[in-house]
Protein backbone atom coordinates (compact mmCIF):
# COMPACT_ATOMS: atom_id res chain seq x y z
CA MET A 1 -217.76 107.49 21.39
CA ASN A 2 -220.92 107.83 19.30
CA SER A 3 -224.42 107.02 20.52
CA ILE A 4 -224.53 103.63 18.73
CA HIS A 5 -221.47 102.43 20.66
CA VAL A 6 -222.96 103.70 23.92
CA PHE A 7 -226.23 101.85 23.27
CA ARG A 8 -224.35 98.66 22.39
CA LYS A 9 -222.28 98.93 25.55
CA LEU A 10 -225.40 99.57 27.65
CA GLY A 11 -227.10 96.62 25.95
CA LEU A 12 -224.20 94.32 26.78
CA ILE A 13 -224.24 95.53 30.39
CA ALA A 14 -228.00 94.87 30.59
CA ILE A 15 -227.57 91.37 29.14
CA ALA A 16 -224.75 90.61 31.58
CA GLY A 17 -226.93 91.80 34.45
CA ALA A 18 -229.85 89.66 33.34
CA LEU A 19 -227.61 86.59 33.05
CA SER A 20 -226.21 87.23 36.51
CA ALA A 21 -229.71 87.55 37.92
CA ALA A 22 -230.79 84.32 36.20
CA ALA A 23 -227.73 82.51 37.57
CA ALA A 24 -228.44 83.81 41.07
CA PHE A 25 -232.06 82.68 40.81
CA ALA A 26 -231.02 79.23 39.62
CA GLN A 27 -228.64 78.91 42.57
CA SER A 28 -231.25 80.15 45.05
CA SER A 29 -233.97 77.72 44.03
CA ASN A 30 -234.43 74.77 46.33
CA PRO A 31 -234.79 71.06 45.55
CA ALA A 32 -238.54 71.09 46.23
CA SER A 33 -239.05 73.93 43.77
CA GLU A 34 -236.99 72.05 41.21
CA GLN A 35 -239.11 68.96 41.88
CA LEU A 36 -242.27 70.99 41.20
CA LYS A 37 -240.84 72.30 37.94
CA LYS A 38 -239.64 68.88 36.78
CA SER A 39 -243.05 67.42 37.57
CA MET A 40 -244.83 70.14 35.61
CA ASP A 41 -242.45 69.82 32.65
CA ALA A 42 -242.88 66.02 32.56
CA GLY A 43 -246.65 66.37 32.66
CA MET A 44 -246.63 68.88 29.84
CA ARG A 45 -244.44 66.62 27.69
CA SER A 46 -246.76 63.68 28.38
CA MET A 47 -249.86 65.65 27.46
CA GLN A 48 -248.25 66.98 24.29
CA GLY A 49 -247.21 63.45 23.29
CA MET A 50 -250.64 61.97 23.95
CA LYS A 51 -252.35 60.45 20.95
CA LEU A 52 -255.89 61.71 20.61
CA SER A 53 -258.65 59.22 19.95
CA GLY A 54 -260.86 61.59 18.00
CA ASP A 55 -263.62 61.04 20.57
CA THR A 56 -264.02 64.32 22.46
CA ASP A 57 -265.30 62.61 25.61
CA MET A 58 -262.48 60.07 25.72
CA ASP A 59 -259.84 62.68 24.91
CA PHE A 60 -261.18 64.94 27.66
CA ALA A 61 -261.11 62.08 30.17
CA MET A 62 -257.56 61.03 29.22
CA MET A 63 -256.19 64.57 29.30
CA MET A 64 -258.03 65.51 32.48
CA LYS A 65 -256.72 62.39 34.22
CA MET A 66 -253.17 63.32 33.27
CA HIS A 67 -253.79 66.91 34.37
CA HIS A 68 -255.06 65.68 37.74
CA GLN A 69 -252.10 63.32 38.15
CA GLN A 70 -249.83 66.29 37.56
CA ALA A 71 -251.66 68.25 40.25
CA LEU A 72 -251.30 65.31 42.64
CA GLU A 73 -247.54 65.20 42.18
CA MET A 74 -247.20 68.91 42.80
CA ALA A 75 -249.56 68.83 45.78
CA LYS A 76 -247.57 65.99 47.38
CA VAL A 77 -244.40 68.09 47.17
CA GLN A 78 -246.21 70.99 48.82
CA VAL A 79 -247.58 68.80 51.63
CA GLN A 80 -244.14 67.29 52.27
CA GLN A 81 -241.94 70.34 51.86
CA GLY A 82 -244.02 73.50 51.84
CA ARG A 83 -244.02 75.90 54.78
CA SER A 84 -247.38 77.63 54.41
CA ALA A 85 -250.06 75.91 56.49
CA PRO A 86 -252.91 77.24 54.29
CA LEU A 87 -251.18 76.02 51.11
CA LYS A 88 -250.44 72.65 52.70
CA THR A 89 -254.13 72.37 53.60
CA MET A 90 -255.10 73.30 50.04
CA ALA A 91 -252.60 70.81 48.63
CA GLN A 92 -254.06 68.04 50.78
CA LYS A 93 -257.55 68.93 49.56
CA ILE A 94 -256.26 68.73 45.97
CA ILE A 95 -254.85 65.28 46.72
CA ASP A 96 -258.12 64.09 48.23
CA ASP A 97 -260.43 65.59 45.60
CA GLN A 98 -258.40 64.79 42.53
CA THR A 99 -257.68 61.23 43.63
CA LYS A 100 -261.45 60.70 43.65
CA GLU A 101 -261.83 62.42 40.28
CA ILE A 102 -259.09 60.25 38.75
CA ALA A 103 -260.99 57.17 39.95
CA GLN A 104 -264.18 58.54 38.35
CA LEU A 105 -262.37 59.25 35.08
CA ASP A 106 -260.84 55.75 35.12
CA ALA A 107 -264.26 54.19 35.70
CA TRP A 108 -265.79 56.21 32.87
CA MET A 109 -262.97 55.28 30.48
CA GLN A 110 -263.32 51.58 31.40
CA GLN A 111 -267.06 51.68 30.66
CA HIS A 112 -266.62 53.56 27.37
CA HIS A 113 -263.50 51.89 26.03
CA ARG A 114 -264.02 50.94 22.41
């Protein structure tokens, strides 16, 4: 067997190993982790689909609000299903702080809506 065949065979073995590892990871993930990922993916799709106004201030406020809402969803999952007390405390702080910031962004957008 020449060296090209050996490298191809080794490459196929490496690919098979990587696929097995990916499948094992997918099976080992838990519903809460999947919920976090789905939330993040949905938020990214929403932000990418957002129509910009052309007003930097308004666009910042709209995108930041969506960003904060995304953080709220993820933080709620952590508070409900996470195990780490320090991370649960941080997640609750994110919920508290960003809920207030969303209200401030909403108020600003209401006052500056054109």
